[in-house]
Amino acid sequence: MPVRAAGEPPFNIVRCAYVTLGVTDLARSRDFYVDALGLTETEATGEAVYLRGLEERSHHSIVLVQRASPEAHALGFKVASEGDLDALEAFFAARGLPASWTERHAQGRTLAVRDPFGVPLEFYARMDGAERLLQRYGLYRGAQIMRLDHLNLFAAELQQTHEFYAELGFRTTEYTETEGPDPRLWAVWMHRKGNVHDVALTNGRGPRLHHVGVWTASVMSILHACDVLATTGHVDKLERGPGRHGISNAFFLYLRDPDGHRVELFASDYLTVDPDLEPLRWTLDDPQRQTLWGHAAPASWFEEGTPFAGTAVREPALRARPVVAR
């Protein structure tokens, strides 16, 4: 079986925590994420807007930065302690992956590194706090987004990418593989925080960011978001759904922001905290793995993604075609 068990590294990655996206028109993007989707603006500086969900107590989980072209600049992860940062620095150095300490607004010490495939990762232990708005119901707008839930990546070397994140301590919950006597891994869902995923890896031209997954208050929040988007000039931003995944059981809606970055509105997956949880296997040819019900994904969902700044995109090692909408 191509799925690797999680390692037991000498550091504790708690969860995925933020993503930094380059956008070409900061005001336009801010309007989409805040006014249409309902994220909360914590702070705006000269060339950046810091956003969070209603239940989040940290300063930010999505950072929009003004850039000449739409790119992803960092995937951020929270660790449990300052000592974990030092252990991570040693971990990356032992593998020939240079790490550096960098300054990030509203954060403490932050370790910046690229994984073996070129994805820019950042790790921190402390971030400035912000007011939790969970019970400020008068502030609920748009999709009523609660928090950042996961990050999904296109991986050209999927098997090796999966093994690297398993070495970091990410545990596998579900996976897709090809049929036949020599099955190949096509996608994998991995977590640290105890639900289906913090990181998902999908076979494809990569590395690229496939989507940012945000958790909404309820299924009805996603349906309400459809009405809001359709009546505020954003109906063209709906790419796929609403529907329900077989994998993760998630009720979903996929959107494209004004620069084409993909966002998933996401609700109703399940608990994965047991250490002996057995990963669920799906075959690539099973149409219900990606769509338990609803329209099949369009070709754009498999082909288009956000490049990472400064990272070359490679063709996938595995050539396999999933089911797409006609």
C-alpha atoms as a PDB file:
ATOM      1  CA  MET A   1       0.000   0.000   0.000  1.00  0.00           C
ATOM      2  CA  PRO A   2       1.484   3.398  -0.984  1.00  0.00           C
ATOM      3  CA  VAL A   3       0.185   5.197   2.127  1.00  0.00           C
ATOM      4  CA  ARG A   4       2.857   5.880   4.726  1.00  0.00           C
ATOM      5  CA  ALA A   5       2.157   5.999   8.462  1.00  0.00           C
ATOM      6  CA  ALA A   6       2.910   9.266  10.227  1.00  0.00           C
ATOM      7  CA  GLY A   7       6.322   9.668  11.775  1.00  0.00           C
ATOM      8  CA  GLU A   8       6.982  10.769  15.350  1.00  0.00           C
ATOM      9  CA  PRO A   9       9.181  13.834  14.884  1.00  0.00           C
ATOM     10  CA  PRO A  10      10.685  15.774  17.822  1.00  0.00           C
ATOM     11  CA  PHE A  11       8.331  18.713  17.240  1.00  0.00           C
ATOM     12  CA  ASN A  12       4.584  19.275  17.353  1.00  0.00           C
ATOM     13  CA  ILE A  13       2.871  20.913  14.384  1.00  0.00           C
ATOM     14  CA  VAL A  14      -0.590  21.830  15.682  1.00  0.00           C
ATOM     15  CA  ARG A  15      -2.495  22.795  12.543  1.00  0.00           C
ATOM     16  CA  CYS A  16      -2.479  24.735   9.309  1.00  0.00           C
ATOM     17  CA  ALA A  17      -2.842  28.361  10.326  1.00  0.00           C
ATOM     18  CA  TYR A  18      -2.616  30.841   7.457  1.00  0.00           C
ATOM     19  CA  VAL A  19      -2.023  31.379   3.771  1.00  0.00           C
ATOM     20  CA  THR A  20      -0.527  34.432   2.094  1.00  0.00           C
ATOM     21  CA  LEU A  21      -1.903  35.203  -1.367  1.00  0.00           C
ATOM     22  CA  GLY A  22      -0.590  37.742  -3.845  1.00  0.00           C
ATOM     23  CA  VAL A  23      -3.417  39.707  -5.487  1.00  0.00           C
ATOM     24  CA  THR A  24      -3.303  42.295  -8.256  1.00  0.00           C
ATOM     25  CA  ASP A  25      -5.935  44.679  -6.859  1.00  0.00           C
ATOM     26  CA  LEU A  26      -5.979  44.707  -3.070  1.00  0.00           C
ATOM     27  CA  ALA A  27      -9.179  46.741  -2.725  1.00  0.00           C
ATOM     28  CA  ARG A  28     -11.082  44.498  -5.153  1.00  0.00           C
ATOM     29  CA  SER A  29      -9.910  41.343  -3.389  1.00  0.00           C
ATOM     30  CA  ARG A  30     -10.701  42.795   0.032  1.00  0.00           C
ATOM     31  CA  ASP A  31     -14.255  43.506  -1.113  1.00  0.00           C
ATOM     32  CA  PHE A  32     -14.684  39.914  -2.328  1.00  0.00           C
ATOM     33  CA  TYR A  33     -13.354  38.247   0.810  1.00  0.00           C
ATOM     34  CA  VAL A  34     -14.927  40.627   3.345  1.00  0.00           C
ATOM     35  CA  ASP A  35     -18.112  41.990   1.770  1.00  0.00           C
ATOM     36  CA  ALA A  36     -19.149  38.929  -0.251  1.00  0.00           C
ATOM     37  CA  LEU A  37     -17.706  35.966   1.688  1.00  0.00           C
ATOM     38  CA  GLY A  38     -17.976  37.500   5.148  1.00  0.00           C
ATOM     39  CA  LEU A  39     -14.435  37.210   6.492  1.00  0.00           C
ATOM     40  CA  THR A  40     -13.424  39.716   9.164  1.00  0.00           C
ATOM     41  CA  GLU A  41     -10.745  42.310   8.459  1.00  0.00           C
ATOM     42  CA  THR A  42      -8.433  42.425  11.468  1.00  0.00           C
ATOM     43  CA  GLU A  43      -6.070  45.019  10.069  1.00  0.00           C
ATOM     44  CA  ALA A  44      -4.960  46.657   6.842  1.00  0.00           C
ATOM     45  CA  THR A  45      -1.437  47.956   6.269  1.00  0.00           C
ATOM     46  CA  GLY A  46       0.051  49.645   3.227  1.00  0.00           C
ATOM     47  CA  GLU A  47       0.202  46.587   0.969  1.00  0.00           C
ATOM     48  CA  ALA A  48      -1.588  43.898   2.945  1.00  0.00           C
ATOM     49  CA  VAL A  49      -4.991  43.020   4.394  1.00  0.00           C
ATOM     50  CA  TYR A  50      -5.202  40.560   7.313  1.00  0.00           C
ATOM     51  CA  LEU A  51      -8.380  38.469   7.536  1.00  0.00           C
ATOM     52  CA  ARG A  52      -9.825  35.916   9.950  1.00  0.00           C
ATOM     53  CA  GLY A  53     -12.959  33.838  10.513  1.00  0.00           C
ATOM     54  CA  LEU A  54     -15.610  34.466  13.132  1.00  0.00           C
ATOM     55  CA  GLU A  55     -14.378  31.905  15.667  1.00  0.00           C
ATOM     56  CA  GLU A  56     -10.661  32.547  15.207  1.00  0.00           C
ATOM     57  CA  ARG A  57      -8.803  34.146  18.102  1.00  0.00           C
ATOM     58  CA  SER A  58      -5.592  34.831  16.209  1.00  0.00           C
ATOM     59  CA  HIS A  59      -4.783  37.948  14.218  1.00  0.00           C
ATOM     60  CA  HIS A  60      -5.081  36.370  10.777  1.00  0.00           C
ATOM     61  CA  SER A  61      -5.581  33.218   8.763  1.00  0.00           C
ATOM     62  CA  ILE A  62      -5.687  34.706   5.248  1.00  0.00           C
ATOM     63  CA  VAL A  63      -3.278  37.449   4.226  1.00  0.00           C
ATOM     64  CA  LEU A  64      -3.786  39.324   0.951  1.00  0.00           C
ATOM     65  CA  VAL A  65      -0.716  41.162  -0.340  1.00  0.00           C
ATOM     66  CA  GLN A  66      -0.521  43.526  -3.299  1.00  0.00           C
ATOM     67  CA  ARG A  67       1.592  41.988  -6.075  1.00  0.00           C
ATOM     68  CA  ALA A  68       2.034  42.302  -9.842  1.00  0.00           C
ATOM     69  CA  SER A  69       0.701  38.790 -10.479  1.00  0.00           C
ATOM     70  CA  PRO A  70      -1.480  36.289  -8.575  1.00  0.00           C
ATOM     71  CA  GLU A  71       0.757  33.869  -6.679  1.00  0.00           C
ATOM     72  CA  ALA A  72       0.819  32.028  -3.364  1.00  0.00           C
ATOM     73  CA  HIS A  73       3.599  33.266  -1.096  1.00  0.00           C
ATOM     74  CA  ALA A  74       3.435  31.115   2.038  1.00  0.00           C
ATOM     75  CA  LEU A  75       1.554  28.338   3.775  1.00  0.00           C
ATOM     76  CA  GLY A  76       1.699  28.890   7.533  1.00  0.00           C
ATOM     77  CA  PHE A  77       1.552  26.284  10.323  1.00  0.00           C
ATOM     78  CA  LYS A  78       1.265  26.774  14.067  1.00  0.00           C
ATOM     79  CA  VAL A  79       3.526  24.749  16.355  1.00  0.00           C
ATOM     80  CA  ALA A  80       3.021  24.134  20.056  1.00  0.00           C
ATOM     81  CA  SER A  81       6.101  25.895  21.459  1.00  0.00           C
ATOM     82  CA  GLU A  82       9.196  27.929  20.691  1.00  0.00           C
ATOM     83  CA  GLY A  83      11.263  24.780  21.167  1.00  0.00           C
ATOM     84  CA  ASP A  84       9.372  23.144  18.311  1.00  0.00           C
ATOM     85  CA  LEU A  85      10.632  25.883  16.010  1.00  0.00           C
ATOM     86  CA  ASP A  86      14.239  25.079  16.899  1.00  0.00           C
ATOM     87  CA  ALA A  87      13.601  21.369  16.373  1.00  0.00           C
ATOM     88  CA  LEU A  88      12.082  22.098  12.962  1.00  0.00           C
ATOM     89  CA  GLU A  89      15.105  24.189  11.990  1.00  0.00           C
ATOM     90  CA  ALA A  90      17.352  21.216  12.813  1.00  0.00           C
ATOM     91  CA  PHE A  91      15.012  18.839  10.947  1.00  0.00           C
ATOM     92  CA  PHE A  92      15.192  20.862   7.738  1.00  0.00           C
ATOM     93  CA  ALA A  93      18.950  21.447   8.035  1.00  0.00           C
ATOM     94  CA  ALA A  94      19.535  17.693   8.339  1.00  0.00           C
ATOM     95  CA  ARG A  95      17.749  17.249   5.011  1.00  0.00           C
ATOM     96  CA  GLY A  96      19.620  19.988   3.199  1.00  0.00           C
ATOM     97  CA  LEU A  97      16.648  22.364   3.217  1.00  0.00           C
ATOM     98  CA  PRO A  98      17.909  25.780   4.362  1.00  0.00           C
ATOM     99  CA  ALA A  99      15.573  27.513   6.804  1.00  0.00           C
ATOM    100  CA  SER A 100      15.715  31.148   7.867  1.00  0.00           C
ATOM    101  CA  TRP A 101      14.138  33.282  10.564  1.00  0.00           C
ATOM    102  CA  THR A 102      11.889  35.962   9.141  1.00  0.00           C
ATOM    103  CA  GLU A 103       9.745  38.823  10.388  1.00  0.00           C
ATOM    104  CA  ARG A 104       5.982  38.510   9.890  1.00  0.00           C
ATOM    105  CA  HIS A 105       3.464  41.105  10.971  1.00  0.00           C
ATOM    106  CA  ALA A 106       1.626  40.253  14.221  1.00  0.00           C
ATOM    107  CA  GLN A 107       3.673  37.054  14.689  1.00  0.00           C
ATOM    108  CA  GLY A 108       6.521  35.982  16.909  1.00  0.00           C
ATOM    109  CA  ARG A 109       9.582  34.117  15.644  1.00  0.00           C
ATOM    110  CA  THR A 110       8.762  32.641  12.247  1.00  0.00           C
ATOM    111  CA  LEU A 111      10.755  29.935  10.474  1.00  0.00           C
ATOM    112  CA  ALA A 112      10.638  30.060   6.670  1.00  0.00           C
ATOM    113  CA  VAL A 113      11.657  27.125   4.471  1.00  0.00           C
ATOM    114  CA  ARG A 114      10.758  25.452   1.198  1.00  0.00           C
ATOM    115  CA  ASP A 115       9.829  21.793   1.214  1.00  0.00           C
ATOM    116  CA  PRO A 116      11.802  19.459  -1.110  1.00  0.00           C
ATOM    117  CA  PHE A 117       9.420  20.314  -3.963  1.00  0.00           C
ATOM    118  CA  GLY A 118       9.565  24.106  -3.670  1.00  0.00           C
ATOM    119  CA  VAL A 119       6.467  24.894  -1.586  1.00  0.00           C
ATOM    120  CA  PRO A 120       7.139  27.886   0.734  1.00  0.00           C
ATOM    121  CA  LEU A 121       6.285  26.916   4.316  1.00  0.00           C
ATOM    122  CA  GLU A 122       6.311  29.035   7.476  1.00  0.00           C
ATOM    123  CA  PHE A 123       6.116  27.907  11.104  1.00  0.00           C
ATOM    124  CA  TYR A 124       5.390  29.995  14.189  1.00  0.00           C
ATOM    125  CA  ALA A 125       4.415  29.482  17.826  1.00  0.00           C
ATOM    126  CA  ARG A 126       2.945  32.859  18.746  1.00  0.00           C
ATOM    127  CA  MET A 127       0.581  35.256  16.968  1.00  0.00           C
ATOM    128  CA  ASP A 128      -1.161  38.358  18.274  1.00  0.00           C
ATOM    129  CA  GLY A 129      -4.675  37.711  19.529  1.00  0.00           C
ATOM    130  CA  ALA A 130      -7.958  39.038  18.172  1.00  0.00           C
ATOM    131  CA  GLU A 131     -11.518  39.130  19.479  1.00  0.00           C
ATOM    132  CA  ARG A 132     -13.468  35.920  18.950  1.00  0.00           C
ATOM    133  CA  LEU A 133     -16.672  36.893  17.135  1.00  0.00           C
ATOM    134  CA  LEU A 134     -18.452  33.548  17.327  1.00  0.00           C
ATOM    135  CA  GLN A 135     -21.350  34.920  19.393  1.00  0.00           C
ATOM    136  CA  ARG A 136     -21.455  38.336  17.761  1.00  0.00           C
ATOM    137  CA  TYR A 137     -24.280  37.139  15.527  1.00  0.00           C
ATOM    138  CA  GLY A 138     -25.043  40.595  14.246  1.00  0.00           C
ATOM    139  CA  LEU A 139     -21.707  40.499  12.418  1.00  0.00           C
ATOM    140  CA  TYR A 140     -22.459  37.310  10.463  1.00  0.00           C
ATOM    141  CA  ARG A 141     -22.349  38.002   6.714  1.00  0.00           C
ATOM    142  CA  GLY A 142     -21.938  36.128   3.451  1.00  0.00           C
ATOM    143  CA  ALA A 143     -20.821  32.546   3.986  1.00  0.00           C
ATOM    144  CA  GLN A 144     -20.452  33.013   7.766  1.00  0.00           C
ATOM    145  CA  ILE A 145     -16.897  31.657   7.642  1.00  0.00           C
ATOM    146  CA  MET A 146     -15.707  30.302  10.984  1.00  0.00           C
ATOM    147  CA  ARG A 147     -12.041  29.452  10.328  1.00  0.00           C
ATOM    148  CA  LEU A 148      -9.373  28.319   7.933  1.00  0.00           C
ATOM    149  CA  ASP A 149      -9.647  24.542   7.698  1.00  0.00           C
ATOM    150  CA  HIS A 150      -7.149  23.170   5.155  1.00  0.00           C
ATOM    151  CA  LEU A 151      -4.818  23.737   2.232  1.00  0.00           C
ATOM    152  CA  ASN A 152      -4.924  21.597  -0.913  1.00  0.00           C
ATOM    153  CA  LEU A 153      -1.881  21.304  -3.187  1.00  0.00           C
ATOM    154  CA  PHE A 154      -1.218  19.960  -6.644  1.00  0.00           C
ATOM    155  CA  ALA A 155       1.844  17.690  -6.348  1.00  0.00           C
ATOM    156  CA  ALA A 156       3.861  16.523  -9.351  1.00  0.00           C
ATOM    157  CA  GLU A 157       5.701  13.920  -7.233  1.00  0.00           C
ATOM    158  CA  LEU A 158       2.719  12.861  -5.180  1.00  0.00           C
ATOM    159  CA  GLN A 159       4.132   9.758  -3.511  1.00  0.00           C
ATOM    160  CA  GLN A 160       7.291  11.526  -2.378  1.00  0.00           C
ATOM    161  CA  THR A 161       5.331  14.592  -1.247  1.00  0.00           C
ATOM    162  CA  HIS A 162       3.027  12.399   0.830  1.00  0.00           C
ATOM    163  CA  GLU A 163       6.015  10.673   2.429  1.00  0.00           C
ATOM    164  CA  PHE A 164       7.600  14.012   3.340  1.00  0.00           C
ATOM    165  CA  TYR A 165       4.481  15.301   5.087  1.00  0.00           C
ATOM    166  CA  ALA A 166       4.084  11.972   6.869  1.00  0.00           C
ATOM    167  CA  GLU A 167       7.642  12.459   8.138  1.00  0.00           C
ATOM    168  CA  LEU A 168       6.529  15.847   9.519  1.00  0.00           C
ATOM    169  CA  GLY A 169       3.889  13.975  11.524  1.00  0.00           C
ATOM    170  CA  PHE A 170       0.812  14.433   9.338  1.00  0.00           C
ATOM    171  CA  ARG A 171      -1.584  11.479   9.604  1.00  0.00           C
ATOM    172  CA  THR A 172      -3.530  10.093   6.642  1.00  0.00           C
ATOM    173  CA  THR A 173      -7.332   9.927   6.844  1.00  0.00           C
ATOM    174  CA  GLU A 174      -8.370   9.079   3.271  1.00  0.00           C
ATOM    175  CA  TYR A 175      -6.642   8.417  -0.025  1.00  0.00           C
ATOM    176  CA  THR A 176      -7.273   7.652  -3.687  1.00  0.00           C
ATOM    177  CA  GLU A 177      -5.218   5.178  -5.680  1.00  0.00           C
ATOM    178  CA  THR A 178      -5.304   3.632  -9.119  1.00  0.00           C
ATOM    179  CA  GLU A 179      -6.599   0.111  -9.740  1.00  0.00           C
ATOM    180  CA  GLY A 180      -4.466  -2.860 -10.809  1.00  0.00           C
ATOM    181  CA  PRO A 181      -1.666  -5.003  -9.413  1.00  0.00           C
ATOM    182  CA  ASP A 182       0.626  -2.001  -8.853  1.00  0.00           C
ATOM    183  CA  PRO A 183      -1.649   0.723  -7.392  1.00  0.00           C
ATOM    184  CA  ARG A 184      -0.359   4.284  -7.457  1.00  0.00           C
ATOM    185  CA  LEU A 185      -1.329   7.039  -5.060  1.00  0.00           C
ATOM    186  CA  TRP A 186      -3.371   9.750  -6.801  1.00  0.00           C
ATOM    187  CA  ALA A 187      -4.524  11.908  -3.859  1.00  0.00           C
ATOM    188  CA  VAL A 188      -4.219  11.901  -0.079  1.00  0.00           C
ATOM    189  CA  TRP A 189      -5.807  13.767   2.853  1.00  0.00           C
ATOM    190  CA  MET A 190      -3.600  14.367   5.920  1.00  0.00           C
ATOM    191  CA  HIS A 191      -4.223  16.068   9.254  1.00  0.00           C
ATOM    192  CA  ARG A 192      -2.742  17.286  12.508  1.00  0.00           C
ATOM    193  CA  LYS A 193      -5.703  18.942  14.245  1.00  0.00           C
ATOM    194  CA  GLY A 194      -8.152  16.031  14.390  1.00  0.00           C
ATOM    195  CA  ASN A 195     -10.495  16.423  11.446  1.00  0.00           C
ATOM    196  CA  VAL A 196     -10.100  15.087   7.899  1.00  0.00           C
ATOM    197  CA  HIS A 197      -7.268  17.326   6.742  1.00  0.00           C
ATOM    198  CA  ASP A 198      -4.918  20.192   7.268  1.00  0.00           C
ATOM    199  CA  VAL A 199      -3.125  19.374   4.006  1.00  0.00           C
ATOM    200  CA  ALA A 200      -4.468  17.537   0.960  1.00  0.00           C
ATOM    201  CA  LEU A 201      -2.287  16.487  -1.962  1.00  0.00           C
ATOM    202  CA  THR A 202      -3.668  15.949  -5.466  1.00  0.00           C
ATOM    203  CA  ASN A 203      -1.775  14.559  -8.445  1.00  0.00           C
ATOM    204  CA  GLY A 204      -1.178  17.208 -11.090  1.00  0.00           C
ATOM    205  CA  ARG A 205       1.147  19.847 -12.489  1.00  0.00           C
ATOM    206  CA  GLY A 206       2.861  21.193  -9.448  1.00  0.00           C
ATOM    207  CA  PRO A 207       3.644  22.290  -6.976  1.00  0.00           C
ATOM    208  CA  ARG A 208       0.697  24.676  -7.102  1.00  0.00           C
ATOM    209  CA  LEU A 209      -1.967  25.690  -4.616  1.00  0.00           C
ATOM    210  CA  HIS A 210      -5.223  23.999  -5.582  1.00  0.00           C
ATOM    211  CA  HIS A 211      -7.434  25.695  -3.012  1.00  0.00           C
ATOM    212  CA  VAL A 212      -7.817  27.264   0.402  1.00  0.00           C
ATOM    213  CA  GLY A 213     -10.529  25.488   2.411  1.00  0.00           C
ATOM    214  CA  VAL A 214     -12.542  27.533   4.912  1.00  0.00           C
ATOM    215  CA  TRP A 215     -15.047  26.099   7.395  1.00  0.00           C
ATOM    216  CA  THR A 216     -18.530  27.628   7.406  1.00  0.00           C
ATOM    217  CA  ALA A 217     -21.118  27.756  10.193  1.00  0.00           C
ATOM    218  CA  SER A 218     -23.446  25.258   8.465  1.00  0.00           C
ATOM    219  CA  VAL A 219     -24.619  23.767   5.183  1.00  0.00           C
ATOM    220  CA  MET A 220     -27.203  26.553   5.058  1.00  0.00           C
ATOM    221  CA  SER A 221     -24.357  29.091   5.228  1.00  0.00           C
ATOM    222  CA  ILE A 222     -23.007  27.700   1.966  1.00  0.00           C
ATOM    223  CA  LEU A 223     -26.414  27.845   0.303  1.00  0.00           C
ATOM    224  CA  HIS A 224     -26.860  31.406   1.560  1.00  0.00           C
ATOM    225  CA  ALA A 225     -23.454  32.283   0.114  1.00  0.00           C
ATOM    226  CA  CYS A 226     -24.702  31.144  -3.310  1.00  0.00           C
ATOM    227  CA  ASP A 227     -27.577  33.640  -3.052  1.00  0.00           C
ATOM    228  CA  VAL A 228     -25.251  36.422  -1.898  1.00  0.00           C
ATOM    229  CA  LEU A 229     -22.700  35.813  -4.650  1.00  0.00           C
ATOM    230  CA  ALA A 230     -25.392  35.555  -7.319  1.00  0.00           C
ATOM    231  CA  THR A 231     -26.910  38.914  -6.357  1.00  0.00           C
ATOM    232  CA  THR A 232     -23.764  40.960  -5.683  1.00  0.00           C
ATOM    233  CA  GLY A 233     -22.048  40.637  -9.058  1.00  0.00           C
ATOM    234  CA  HIS A 234     -20.089  37.453  -8.290  1.00  0.00           C
ATOM    235  CA  VAL A 235     -22.156  34.716  -9.909  1.00  0.00           C
ATOM    236  CA  ASP A 236     -19.277  34.085 -12.321  1.00  0.00           C
ATOM    237  CA  LYS A 237     -17.054  33.186  -9.350  1.00  0.00           C
ATOM    238  CA  LEU A 238     -18.918  29.902  -8.708  1.00  0.00           C
ATOM    239  CA  GLU A 239     -16.814  27.092 -10.193  1.00  0.00           C
ATOM    240  CA  ARG A 240     -18.205  23.876  -8.732  1.00  0.00           C
ATOM    241  CA  GLY A 241     -21.085  22.877  -6.474  1.00  0.00           C
ATOM    242  CA  PRO A 242     -22.792  23.014  -4.147  1.00  0.00           C
ATOM    243  CA  GLY A 243     -22.539  19.283  -3.568  1.00  0.00           C
ATOM    244  CA  ARG A 244     -21.142  16.662  -1.232  1.00  0.00           C
ATOM    245  CA  HIS A 245     -17.827  14.857  -1.478  1.00  0.00           C
ATOM    246  CA  GLY A 246     -17.588  11.137  -0.870  1.00  0.00           C
ATOM    247  CA  ILE A 247     -14.113  11.724   0.483  1.00  0.00           C
ATOM    248  CA  SER A 248     -14.356  13.652   3.786  1.00  0.00           C
ATOM    249  CA  ASN A 249     -18.201  13.739   3.600  1.00  0.00           C
ATOM    250  CA  ALA A 250     -17.838  17.494   3.135  1.00  0.00           C
ATOM    251  CA  PHE A 251     -20.613  19.697   1.827  1.00  0.00           C
ATOM    252  CA  PHE A 252     -18.788  22.046  -0.537  1.00  0.00           C
ATOM    253  CA  LEU A 253     -18.814  24.995  -2.874  1.00  0.00           C
ATOM    254  CA  TYR A 254     -15.745  26.026  -4.900  1.00  0.00           C
ATOM    255  CA  LEU A 255     -15.211  29.660  -5.848  1.00  0.00           C
ATOM    256  CA  ARG A 256     -12.575  31.607  -7.758  1.00  0.00           C
ATOM    257  CA  ASP A 257     -11.593  34.960  -6.318  1.00  0.00           C
ATOM    258  CA  PRO A 258     -10.983  37.981  -8.600  1.00  0.00           C
ATOM    259  CA  ASP A 259      -7.421  36.746  -9.349  1.00  0.00           C
ATOM    260  CA  GLY A 260      -8.433  33.122  -9.847  1.00  0.00           C
ATOM    261  CA  HIS A 261      -7.303  31.794  -6.455  1.00  0.00           C
ATOM    262  CA  ARG A 262      -9.643  28.919  -5.579  1.00  0.00           C
ATOM    263  CA  VAL A 263     -11.553  28.928  -2.277  1.00  0.00           C
ATOM    264  CA  GLU A 264     -13.618  26.045  -0.930  1.00  0.00           C
ATOM    265  CA  LEU A 265     -16.521  26.715   1.409  1.00  0.00           C
ATOM    266  CA  PHE A 266     -16.600  23.584   3.518  1.00  0.00           C
ATOM    267  CA  ALA A 267     -18.783  21.997   6.215  1.00  0.00           C
ATOM    268  CA  SER A 268     -19.674  18.686   7.889  1.00  0.00           C
ATOM    269  CA  ASP A 269     -16.613  16.447   7.812  1.00  0.00           C
ATOM    270  CA  TYR A 270     -15.811  14.210  10.795  1.00  0.00           C
ATOM    271  CA  LEU A 271     -13.537  13.583  13.810  1.00  0.00           C
ATOM    272  CA  THR A 272     -10.184  11.832  13.265  1.00  0.00           C
ATOM    273  CA  VAL A 273      -8.431  12.107  16.638  1.00  0.00           C
ATOM    274  CA  ASP A 274      -7.991   8.368  17.377  1.00  0.00           C
ATOM    275  CA  PRO A 275      -4.321   7.421  16.876  1.00  0.00           C
ATOM    276  CA  ASP A 276      -5.299   4.026  15.439  1.00  0.00           C
ATOM    277  CA  LEU A 277      -7.685   5.496  12.847  1.00  0.00           C
ATOM    278  CA  GLU A 278      -7.447   3.443   9.642  1.00  0.00           C
ATOM    279  CA  PRO A 279      -7.315   5.512   6.421  1.00  0.00           C
ATOM    280  CA  LEU A 280     -10.209   5.085   4.018  1.00  0.00           C
ATOM    281  CA  ARG A 281      -9.292   3.915   0.511  1.00  0.00           C
ATOM    282  CA  TRP A 282     -11.015   5.076  -2.661  1.00  0.00           C
ATOM    283  CA  THR A 283     -10.294   4.011  -6.236  1.00  0.00           C
ATOM    284  CA  LEU A 284      -9.643   6.621  -8.896  1.00  0.00           C
ATOM    285  CA  ASP A 285     -12.496   5.303 -11.067  1.00  0.00           C
ATOM    286  CA  ASP A 286     -15.108   5.613  -8.323  1.00  0.00           C
ATOM    287  CA  PRO A 287     -17.125   8.747  -9.260  1.00  0.00           C
ATOM    288  CA  GLN A 288     -18.554   9.092  -5.745  1.00  0.00           C
ATOM    289  CA  ARG A 289     -15.170   9.693  -4.152  1.00  0.00           C
ATOM    290  CA  GLN A 290     -15.062  13.274  -5.459  1.00  0.00           C
ATOM    291  CA  THR A 291     -18.819  13.792  -5.810  1.00  0.00           C
ATOM    292  CA  LEU A 292     -21.133  11.728  -3.614  1.00  0.00           C
ATOM    293  CA  TRP A 293     -23.900  13.744  -5.252  1.00  0.00           C
ATOM    294  CA  GLY A 294     -23.918  16.801  -7.481  1.00  0.00           C
ATOM    295  CA  HIS A 295     -22.332  17.603 -10.816  1.00  0.00           C
ATOM    296  CA  ALA A 296     -18.931  16.116 -11.589  1.00  0.00           C
ATOM    297  CA  ALA A 297     -16.004  18.519 -11.348  1.00  0.00           C
ATOM    298  CA  PRO A 298     -15.205  20.603 -14.450  1.00  0.00           C
ATOM    299  CA  ALA A 299     -11.859  20.251 -16.189  1.00  0.00           C
ATOM    300  CA  SER A 300     -10.686  23.550 -14.657  1.00  0.00           C
ATOM    301  CA  TRP A 301     -10.876  21.981 -11.185  1.00  0.00           C
ATOM    302  CA  PHE A 302      -8.211  19.427 -12.187  1.00  0.00           C
ATOM    303  CA  GLU A 303      -6.099  21.668 -14.391  1.00  0.00           C
ATOM    304  CA  GLU A 304      -5.946  25.177 -12.908  1.00  0.00           C
ATOM    305  CA  GLY A 305      -4.208  26.302  -9.743  1.00  0.00           C
ATOM    306  CA  THR A 306      -2.153  29.094  -8.187  1.00  0.00           C
ATOM    307  CA  PRO A 307       1.631  28.973  -8.709  1.00  0.00           C
ATOM    308  CA  PHE A 308       3.960  29.483  -5.768  1.00  0.00           C
ATOM    309  CA  ALA A 309       6.206  32.529  -6.072  1.00  0.00           C
ATOM    310  CA  GLY A 310       9.682  31.543  -7.232  1.00  0.00           C
ATOM    311  CA  THR A 311       8.854  27.854  -7.790  1.00  0.00           C
ATOM    312  CA  ALA A 312       8.908  26.107 -11.153  1.00  0.00           C
ATOM    313  CA  VAL A 313       5.907  23.931 -12.055  1.00  0.00           C
ATOM    314  CA  ARG A 314       6.592  20.364 -13.221  1.00  0.00           C
ATOM    315  CA  GLU A 315       4.523  17.800 -15.061  1.00  0.00           C
ATOM    316  CA  PRO A 316       3.102  15.024 -12.868  1.00  0.00           C
ATOM    317  CA  ALA A 317       4.954  11.722 -12.594  1.00  0.00           C
ATOM    318  CA  LEU A 318       1.627   9.854 -12.684  1.00  0.00           C
ATOM    319  CA  ARG A 319      -0.546  10.147 -15.771  1.00  0.00           C
ATOM    320  CA  ALA A 320      -4.125   9.339 -14.784  1.00  0.00           C
ATOM    321  CA  ARG A 321      -7.366  10.995 -15.792  1.00  0.00           C
ATOM    322  CA  PRO A 322     -10.208  11.274 -13.263  1.00  0.00           C
ATOM    323  CA  VAL A 323     -13.897  11.678 -14.075  1.00  0.00           C
ATOM    324  CA  VAL A 324     -14.768  15.198 -15.239  1.00  0.00           C
ATOM    325  CA  ALA A 325     -18.007  16.907 -16.204  1.00  0.00           C
ATOM    326  CA  ARG A 326     -18.911  16.840 -19.856  1.00  0.00           C
END
